[in-house]
Amino acid sequence: DILRFGFTPLYLGYAELWDAVWVLKEIMEDRSWDRPEH
């Protein structure tokens, strides 16, 4: 049941963290994760 997120500081930006969590929030709120293909 683990979603794993790795941090690679040489090429990962800070603002990308906010963007990633925001996308995850949208997926949970609109339940797009529950589509059959996923």
All heavy atoms as atom14 arrays in JSON, in Angstrom:
{
  "sequence": "DILRFGFTPLYLGYAELWDAVWVLKEIMEDRSWDRPEH",
  "atom14_mask": [
    [1, 1, 1, 1, 1, 1, 1, 1, 0, 0, 0, 0, 0, 0],
    [1, 1, 1, 1, 1, 1, 1, 1, 0, 0, 0, 0, 0, 0],
    [1, 1, 1, 1, 1, 1, 1, 1, 0, 0, 0, 0, 0, 0],
    [1, 1, 1, 1, 1, 1, 1, 1, 1, 1, 1, 0, 0, 0],
    [1, 1, 1, 1, 1, 1, 1, 1, 1, 1, 1, 0, 0, 0],
    [1, 1, 1, 1, 0, 0, 0, 0, 0, 0, 0, 0, 0, 0],
    [1, 1, 1, 1, 1, 1, 1, 1, 1, 1, 1, 0, 0, 0],
    [1, 1, 1, 1, 1, 1, 1, 0, 0, 0, 0, 0, 0, 0],
    [1, 1, 1, 1, 1, 1, 1, 0, 0, 0, 0, 0, 0, 0],
    [1, 1, 1, 1, 1, 1, 1, 1, 0, 0, 0, 0, 0, 0],
    [1, 1, 1, 1, 1, 1, 1, 1, 1, 1, 1, 1, 0, 0],
    [1, 1, 1, 1, 1, 1, 1, 1, 0, 0, 0, 0, 0, 0],
    [1, 1, 1, 1, 0, 0, 0, 0, 0, 0, 0, 0, 0, 0],
    [1, 1, 1, 1, 1, 1, 1, 1, 1, 1, 1, 1, 0, 0],
    [1, 1, 1, 1, 1, 0, 0, 0, 0, 0, 0, 0, 0, 0],
    [1, 1, 1, 1, 1, 1, 1, 1, 1, 0, 0, 0, 0, 0],
    [1, 1, 1, 1, 1, 1, 1, 1, 0, 0, 0, 0, 0, 0],
    [1, 1, 1, 1, 1, 1, 1, 1, 1, 1, 1, 1, 1, 1],
    [1, 1, 1, 1, 1, 1, 1, 1, 0, 0, 0, 0, 0, 0],
    [1, 1, 1, 1, 1, 0, 0, 0, 0, 0, 0, 0, 0, 0],
    [1, 1, 1, 1, 1, 1, 1, 0, 0, 0, 0, 0, 0, 0],
    [1, 1, 1, 1, 1, 1, 1, 1, 1, 1, 1, 1, 1, 1],
    [1, 1, 1, 1, 1, 1, 1, 0, 0, 0, 0, 0, 0, 0],
    [1, 1, 1, 1, 1, 1, 1, 1, 0, 0, 0, 0, 0, 0],
    [1, 1, 1, 1, 1, 1, 1, 1, 1, 0, 0, 0, 0, 0],
    [1, 1, 1, 1, 1, 1, 1, 1, 1, 0, 0, 0, 0, 0],
    [1, 1, 1, 1, 1, 1, 1, 1, 0, 0, 0, 0, 0, 0],
    [1, 1, 1, 1, 1, 1, 1, 1, 0, 0, 0, 0, 0, 0],
    [1, 1, 1, 1, 1, 1, 1, 1, 1, 0, 0, 0, 0, 0],
    [1, 1, 1, 1, 1, 1, 1, 1, 0, 0, 0, 0, 0, 0],
    [1, 1, 1, 1, 1, 1, 1, 1, 1, 1, 1, 0, 0, 0],
    [1, 1, 1, 1, 1, 1, 0, 0, 0, 0, 0, 0, 0, 0],
    [1, 1, 1, 1, 1, 1, 1, 1, 1, 1, 1, 1, 1, 1],
    [1, 1, 1, 1, 1, 1, 1, 1, 0, 0, 0, 0, 0, 0],
    [1, 1, 1, 1, 1, 1, 1, 1, 1, 1, 1, 0, 0, 0],
    [1, 1, 1, 1, 1, 1, 1, 0, 0, 0, 0, 0, 0, 0],
    [1, 1, 1, 1, 1, 1, 1, 1, 1, 0, 0, 0, 0, 0],
    [1, 1, 1, 1, 1, 1, 1, 1, 1, 1, 0, 0, 0, 0]
  ],
  "atom14_positions": [
    [[0.8, -1.23, 0.0], [0.0, 0.0, 0.0], [0.83, 1.28, 0.0], [0.34, 2.34, 0.4], [-0.95, 0.02, 1.21], [-0.22, -0.04, 2.55], [1.02, -0.19, 2.55], [-0.91, 0.06, 3.59], [0.0, 0.0, 0.0], [0.0, 0.0, 0.0], [0.0, 0.0, 0.0], [0.0, 0.0, 0.0], [0.0, 0.0, 0.0], [0.0, 0.0, 0.0]],
    [[2.1, 1.22, -0.44], [3.01, 2.34, -0.27], [3.16, 3.15, -1.56], [3.5, 2.62, -2.62], [4.41, 1.86, 0.17], [4.33, 1.15, 1.53], [5.4, 3.02, 0.23], [3.92, 2.05, 2.68], [0.0, 0.0, 0.0], [0.0, 0.0, 0.0], [0.0, 0.0, 0.0], [0.0, 0.0, 0.0], [0.0, 0.0, 0.0], [0.0, 0.0, 0.0]],
    [[2.89, 4.46, -1.47], [3.26, 5.41, -2.51], [4.6, 6.01, -2.09], [4.72, 6.6, -1.01], [2.22, 6.53, -2.65], [0.82, 6.13, -3.08], [-0.07, 5.93, -1.85], [0.21, 7.2, -3.99], [0.0, 0.0, 0.0], [0.0, 0.0, 0.0], [0.0, 0.0, 0.0], [0.0, 0.0, 0.0], [0.0, 0.0, 0.0], [0.0, 0.0, 0.0]],
    [[5.58, 5.86, -2.95], [6.96, 6.23, -2.58], [7.41, 7.44, -3.4], [7.31, 7.44, -4.63], [7.87, 5.03, -2.83], [9.2, 5.11, -2.15], [9.95, 3.8, -2.3], [10.28, 3.52, -3.7], [11.31, 2.77, -4.08], [12.09, 2.22, -3.19], [11.53, 2.55, -5.35], [0.0, 0.0, 0.0], [0.0, 0.0, 0.0], [0.0, 0.0, 0.0]],
    [[7.93, 8.44, -2.71], [8.4, 9.67, -3.36], [9.85, 9.91, -2.97], [10.16, 10.11, -1.79], [7.53, 10.86, -2.94], [6.08, 10.69, -3.28], [5.2, 10.16, -2.34], [5.6, 11.02, -4.54], [3.85, 9.98, -2.65], [4.26, 10.85, -4.85], [3.38, 10.33, -3.91], [0.0, 0.0, 0.0], [0.0, 0.0, 0.0], [0.0, 0.0, 0.0]],
    [[10.74, 9.87, -3.96], [12.16, 10.05, -3.71], [12.61, 11.46, -4.02], [12.12, 12.09, -4.96], [0.0, 0.0, 0.0], [0.0, 0.0, 0.0], [0.0, 0.0, 0.0], [0.0, 0.0, 0.0], [0.0, 0.0, 0.0], [0.0, 0.0, 0.0], [0.0, 0.0, 0.0], [0.0, 0.0, 0.0], [0.0, 0.0, 0.0], [0.0, 0.0, 0.0]],
    [[13.55, 11.96, -3.23], [14.04, 13.34, -3.38], [15.49, 13.31, -3.86], [16.37, 12.78, -3.19], [13.89, 14.09, -2.06], [12.47, 14.1, -1.6], [12.02, 13.18, -0.66], [11.55, 14.98, -2.14], [10.69, 13.15, -0.26], [10.22, 14.96, -1.76], [9.8, 14.04, -0.81], [0.0, 0.0, 0.0], [0.0, 0.0, 0.0], [0.0, 0.0, 0.0]],
    [[15.7, 13.87, -5.03], [17.01, 13.91, -5.66], [17.42, 15.38, -5.78], [17.09, 16.05, -6.76], [16.96, 13.24, -7.04], [15.8, 13.69, -7.75], [16.88, 11.72, -6.89], [0.0, 0.0, 0.0], [0.0, 0.0, 0.0], [0.0, 0.0, 0.0], [0.0, 0.0, 0.0], [0.0, 0.0, 0.0], [0.0, 0.0, 0.0], [0.0, 0.0, 0.0]],
    [[18.12, 15.89, -4.79], [18.34, 17.34, -4.67], [19.08, 17.99, -5.82], [18.96, 19.2, -6.01], [19.14, 17.46, -3.37], [18.74, 16.26, -2.57], [18.58, 15.17, -3.59], [0.0, 0.0, 0.0], [0.0, 0.0, 0.0], [0.0, 0.0, 0.0], [0.0, 0.0, 0.0], [0.0, 0.0, 0.0], [0.0, 0.0, 0.0], [0.0, 0.0, 0.0]],
    [[19.85, 17.23, -6.59], [20.59, 17.85, -7.68], [19.68, 18.34, -8.8], [20.07, 19.23, -9.55], [21.64, 16.88, -8.25], [22.8, 16.53, -7.31], [23.78, 15.61, -8.02], [23.52, 17.78, -6.83], [0.0, 0.0, 0.0], [0.0, 0.0, 0.0], [0.0, 0.0, 0.0], [0.0, 0.0, 0.0], [0.0, 0.0, 0.0], [0.0, 0.0, 0.0]],
    [[18.5, 17.75, -8.93], [17.64, 18.2, -10.03], [16.17, 18.38, -9.66], [15.35, 18.66, -10.51], [17.74, 17.26, -11.24], [17.51, 15.79, -10.98], [16.22, 15.28, -10.86], [18.57, 14.9, -10.89], [16.0, 13.93, -10.66], [18.37, 13.55, -10.68], [17.08, 13.07, -10.57], [16.87, 11.72, -10.37], [0.0, 0.0, 0.0], [0.0, 0.0, 0.0]],
    [[15.83, 18.26, -8.39], [14.45, 18.46, -7.96], [14.32, 19.81, -7.28], [15.04, 20.12, -6.34], [14.03, 17.35, -7.0], [12.6, 17.43, -6.45], [11.59, 17.24, -7.57], [12.39, 16.38, -5.35], [0.0, 0.0, 0.0], [0.0, 0.0, 0.0], [0.0, 0.0, 0.0], [0.0, 0.0, 0.0], [0.0, 0.0, 0.0], [0.0, 0.0, 0.0]],
    [[13.36, 20.61, -7.76], [13.14, 21.93, -7.19], [12.15, 21.92, -6.05], [11.36, 20.98, -5.89], [0.0, 0.0, 0.0], [0.0, 0.0, 0.0], [0.0, 0.0, 0.0], [0.0, 0.0, 0.0], [0.0, 0.0, 0.0], [0.0, 0.0, 0.0], [0.0, 0.0, 0.0], [0.0, 0.0, 0.0], [0.0, 0.0, 0.0], [0.0, 0.0, 0.0]],
    [[12.17, 22.98, -5.27], [11.26, 23.09, -4.14], [9.81, 23.32, -4.59], [8.88, 22.71, -4.06], [11.69, 24.24, -3.22], [12.87, 23.92, -2.34], [14.17, 24.27, -2.71], [12.7, 23.28, -1.12], [15.26, 23.99, -1.89], [13.78, 23.0, -0.29], [15.06, 23.35, -0.69], [16.13, 23.05, 0.13], [0.0, 0.0, 0.0], [0.0, 0.0, 0.0]],
    [[9.61, 24.21, -5.55], [8.25, 24.5, -5.99], [7.59, 23.26, -6.59], [6.36, 23.12, -6.55], [8.26, 25.64, -7.01], [0.0, 0.0, 0.0], [0.0, 0.0, 0.0], [0.0, 0.0, 0.0], [0.0, 0.0, 0.0], [0.0, 0.0, 0.0], [0.0, 0.0, 0.0], [0.0, 0.0, 0.0], [0.0, 0.0, 0.0], [0.0, 0.0, 0.0]],
    [[8.38, 22.37, -7.13], [7.83, 21.13, -7.68], [7.16, 20.29, -6.59], [6.23, 19.52, -6.88], [8.93, 20.32, -8.37], [9.41, 20.94, -9.67], [10.5, 20.09, -10.32], [11.58, 19.94, -9.71], [10.27, 19.59, -11.44], [0.0, 0.0, 0.0], [0.0, 0.0, 0.0], [0.0, 0.0, 0.0], [0.0, 0.0, 0.0], [0.0, 0.0, 0.0]],
    [[7.61, 20.43, -5.36], [6.98, 19.69, -4.27], [5.54, 20.17, -4.07], [4.62, 19.36, -3.9], [7.78, 19.87, -2.98], [9.26, 19.52, -3.01], [9.89, 19.8, -1.66], [9.46, 18.07, -3.41], [0.0, 0.0, 0.0], [0.0, 0.0, 0.0], [0.0, 0.0, 0.0], [0.0, 0.0, 0.0], [0.0, 0.0, 0.0], [0.0, 0.0, 0.0]],
    [[5.37, 21.47, -4.07], [4.03, 22.03, -3.92], [3.15, 21.58, -5.08], [2.0, 21.16, -4.88], [4.1, 23.56, -3.86], [2.85, 24.2, -3.35], [2.58, 24.57, -2.06], [1.69, 24.54, -4.1], [1.33, 25.12, -1.97], [0.75, 25.12, -3.21], [1.34, 24.42, -5.46], [-0.5, 25.56, -3.62], [0.09, 24.86, -5.87], [-0.82, 25.43, -4.97]],
    [[3.68, 21.65, -6.29], [2.9, 21.26, -7.48], [2.5, 19.79, -7.42], [1.38, 19.42, -7.78], [3.71, 21.51, -8.75], [3.97, 23.0, -8.99], [3.25, 23.83, -8.41], [4.91, 23.31, -9.75], [0.0, 0.0, 0.0], [0.0, 0.0, 0.0], [0.0, 0.0, 0.0], [0.0, 0.0, 0.0], [0.0, 0.0, 0.0], [0.0, 0.0, 0.0]],
    [[3.42, 18.94, -6.96], [3.13, 17.51, -6.89], [2.0, 17.22, -5.91], [1.08, 16.44, -6.2], [4.39, 16.75, -6.5], [0.0, 0.0, 0.0], [0.0, 0.0, 0.0], [0.0, 0.0, 0.0], [0.0, 0.0, 0.0], [0.0, 0.0, 0.0], [0.0, 0.0, 0.0], [0.0, 0.0, 0.0], [0.0, 0.0, 0.0], [0.0, 0.0, 0.0]],
    [[2.05, 17.85, -4.74], [1.02, 17.62, -3.74], [-0.32, 18.19, -4.2], [-1.38, 17.6, -3.96], [1.44, 18.2, -2.38], [0.31, 18.12, -1.36], [2.67, 17.47, -1.85], [0.0, 0.0, 0.0], [0.0, 0.0, 0.0], [0.0, 0.0, 0.0], [0.0, 0.0, 0.0], [0.0, 0.0, 0.0], [0.0, 0.0, 0.0], [0.0, 0.0, 0.0]],
    [[-0.27, 19.3, -4.91], [-1.51, 19.9, -5.43], [-2.18, 18.97, -6.45], [-3.4, 18.79, -6.43], [-1.22, 21.25, -6.06], [-2.48, 22.01, -6.4], [-3.05, 22.18, -7.63], [-3.35, 22.67, -5.47], [-4.2, 22.91, -7.53], [-4.42, 23.22, -6.21], [-3.31, 22.84, -4.09], [-5.44, 23.93, -5.61], [-4.34, 23.55, -3.48], [-5.39, 24.09, -4.25]],
    [[-1.38, 18.35, -7.32], [-1.93, 17.39, -8.27], [-2.53, 16.2, -7.52], [-3.62, 15.71, -7.86], [-0.85, 16.91, -9.26], [-1.36, 15.74, -10.11], [-0.42, 18.06, -10.17], [0.0, 0.0, 0.0], [0.0, 0.0, 0.0], [0.0, 0.0, 0.0], [0.0, 0.0, 0.0], [0.0, 0.0, 0.0], [0.0, 0.0, 0.0], [0.0, 0.0, 0.0]],
    [[-1.84, 15.73, -6.5], [-2.35, 14.61, -5.71], [-3.67, 14.99, -5.05], [-4.61, 14.18, -4.99], [-1.31, 14.21, -4.66], [-1.66, 13.04, -3.74], [-2.07, 11.81, -4.53], [-0.47, 12.72, -2.83], [0.0, 0.0, 0.0], [0.0, 0.0, 0.0], [0.0, 0.0, 0.0], [0.0, 0.0, 0.0], [0.0, 0.0, 0.0], [0.0, 0.0, 0.0]],
    [[-3.76, 16.21, -4.57], [-5.0, 16.67, -3.94], [-6.14, 16.69, -4.96], [-7.27, 16.24, -4.67], [-4.8, 18.07, -3.36], [-6.02, 18.65, -2.66], [-5.72, 20.03, -2.1], [-6.94, 20.6, -1.38], [-6.66, 21.96, -0.83], [0.0, 0.0, 0.0], [0.0, 0.0, 0.0], [0.0, 0.0, 0.0], [0.0, 0.0, 0.0], [0.0, 0.0, 0.0]],
    [[-5.86, 17.16, -6.17], [-6.9, 17.18, -7.21], [-7.37, 15.77, -7.56], [-8.57, 15.53, -7.75], [-6.37, 17.89, -8.46], [-6.19, 19.38, -8.29], [-5.7, 20.06, -9.55], [-5.11, 19.38, -10.42], [-5.93, 21.28, -9.7], [0.0, 0.0, 0.0], [0.0, 0.0, 0.0], [0.0, 0.0, 0.0], [0.0, 0.0, 0.0], [0.0, 0.0, 0.0]],
    [[-6.43, 14.85, -7.65], [-6.77, 13.46, -7.97], [-7.68, 12.86, -6.91], [-8.61, 12.11, -7.22], [-5.47, 12.63, -8.12], [-4.77, 12.98, -9.42], [-5.75, 11.13, -8.04], [-3.37, 12.43, -9.51], [0.0, 0.0, 0.0], [0.0, 0.0, 0.0], [0.0, 0.0, 0.0], [0.0, 0.0, 0.0], [0.0, 0.0, 0.0], [0.0, 0.0, 0.0]],
    [[-7.41, 13.18, -5.66], [-8.23, 12.65, -4.58], [-9.61, 13.31, -4.56], [-10.62, 12.64, -4.32], [-7.53, 12.86, -3.23], [-6.17, 12.17, -3.11], [-6.2, 10.42, -3.57], [-7.29, 9.74, -2.3], [0.0, 0.0, 0.0], [0.0, 0.0, 0.0], [0.0, 0.0, 0.0], [0.0, 0.0, 0.0], [0.0, 0.0, 0.0], [0.0, 0.0, 0.0]],
    [[-9.66, 14.62, -4.82], [-10.93, 15.32, -4.74], [-11.85, 14.97, -5.9], [-13.08, 14.87, -5.72], [-10.69, 16.83, -4.68], [-10.09, 17.27, -3.34], [-9.84, 18.75, -3.25], [-9.88, 19.43, -4.31], [-9.61, 19.25, -2.13], [0.0, 0.0, 0.0], [0.0, 0.0, 0.0], [0.0, 0.0, 0.0], [0.0, 0.0, 0.0], [0.0, 0.0, 0.0]],
    [[-11.29, 14.79, -7.1], [-12.16, 14.44, -8.24], [-12.26, 12.93, -8.47], [-12.93, 12.49, -9.41], [-11.72, 15.16, -9.52], [-10.34, 14.71, -10.03], [-9.85, 13.65, -9.6], [-9.77, 15.43, -10.88], [0.0, 0.0, 0.0], [0.0, 0.0, 0.0], [0.0, 0.0, 0.0], [0.0, 0.0, 0.0], [0.0, 0.0, 0.0], [0.0, 0.0, 0.0]],
    [[-11.56, 12.15, -7.62], [-11.57, 10.69, -7.68], [-11.15, 10.14, -9.05], [-11.55, 9.04, -9.45], [-12.95, 10.13, -7.29], [-13.3, 10.34, -5.83], [-14.61, 9.64, -5.47], [-14.54, 8.19, -5.66], [-14.07, 7.34, -4.76], [-13.58, 7.79, -3.6], [-14.07, 6.04, -5.0], [0.0, 0.0, 0.0], [0.0, 0.0, 0.0], [0.0, 0.0, 0.0]],
    [[-10.32, 10.88, -9.74], [-9.84, 10.39, -11.03], [-8.97, 9.15, -10.87], [-8.77, 8.39, -11.83], [-9.08, 11.48, -11.78], [-8.01, 11.98, -11.02], [0.0, 0.0, 0.0], [0.0, 0.0, 0.0], [0.0, 0.0, 0.0], [0.0, 0.0, 0.0], [0.0, 0.0, 0.0], [0.0, 0.0, 0.0], [0.0, 0.0, 0.0], [0.0, 0.0, 0.0]],
    [[-8.44, 8.92, -9.66], [-7.65, 7.72, -9.41], [-8.47, 6.45, -9.59], [-7.91, 5.36, -9.81], [-7.06, 7.73, -8.0], [-8.1, 7.76, -6.9], [-8.6, 8.86, -6.27], [-8.77, 6.64, -6.33], [-9.55, 8.52, -5.34], [-9.67, 7.15, -5.36], [-8.72, 5.26, -6.53], [-10.51, 6.32, -4.59], [-9.55, 4.43, -5.78], [-10.42, 4.96, -4.82]],
    [[-9.8, 6.57, -9.52], [-10.66, 5.39, -9.54], [-11.07, 4.97, -10.95], [-11.93, 4.1, -11.11], [-11.9, 5.64, -8.69], [-12.52, 4.36, -8.15], [-11.82, 3.33, -8.15], [-13.7, 4.38, -7.75], [0.0, 0.0, 0.0], [0.0, 0.0, 0.0], [0.0, 0.0, 0.0], [0.0, 0.0, 0.0], [0.0, 0.0, 0.0], [0.0, 0.0, 0.0]],
    [[-10.47, 5.58, -11.96], [-10.77, 5.16, -13.33], [-10.23, 3.75, -13.57], [-9.18, 3.38, -13.03], [-10.15, 6.14, -14.33], [-10.77, 7.53, -14.27], [-10.0, 8.48, -15.17], [-10.5, 9.85, -15.04], [-9.88, 10.93, -15.49], [-8.69, 10.81, -16.1], [-10.41, 12.12, -15.33], [0.0, 0.0, 0.0], [0.0, 0.0, 0.0], [0.0, 0.0, 0.0]],
    [[-10.92, 2.97, -14.38], [-10.49, 1.57, -14.59], [-9.05, 1.42, -15.05], [-8.36, 0.49, -14.62], [-11.48, 1.07, -15.66], [-12.69, 1.92, -15.49], [-12.18, 3.27, -15.08], [0.0, 0.0, 0.0], [0.0, 0.0, 0.0], [0.0, 0.0, 0.0], [0.0, 0.0, 0.0], [0.0, 0.0, 0.0], [0.0, 0.0, 0.0], [0.0, 0.0, 0.0]],
    [[-8.59, 2.33, -15.91], [-7.23, 2.18, -16.44], [-6.16, 2.31, -15.35], [-5.05, 1.78, -15.49], [-6.95, 3.2, -17.55], [-6.98, 4.66, -17.13], [-8.34, 5.32, -17.3], [-9.36, 4.57, -17.27], [-8.39, 6.56, -17.48], [0.0, 0.0, 0.0], [0.0, 0.0, 0.0], [0.0, 0.0, 0.0], [0.0, 0.0, 0.0], [0.0, 0.0, 0.0]],
    [[-6.49, 2.99, -14.26], [-5.51, 3.16, -13.2], [-5.45, 1.95, -12.26], [-4.5, 1.81, -11.48], [-5.81, 4.41, -12.38], [-5.71, 5.68, -13.18], [-4.74, 5.87, -14.15], [-6.46, 6.82, -13.17], [-4.9, 7.05, -14.69], [-5.94, 7.65, -14.12], [0.0, 0.0, 0.0], [0.0, 0.0, 0.0], [0.0, 0.0, 0.0], [0.0, 0.0, 0.0]]
  ]
}
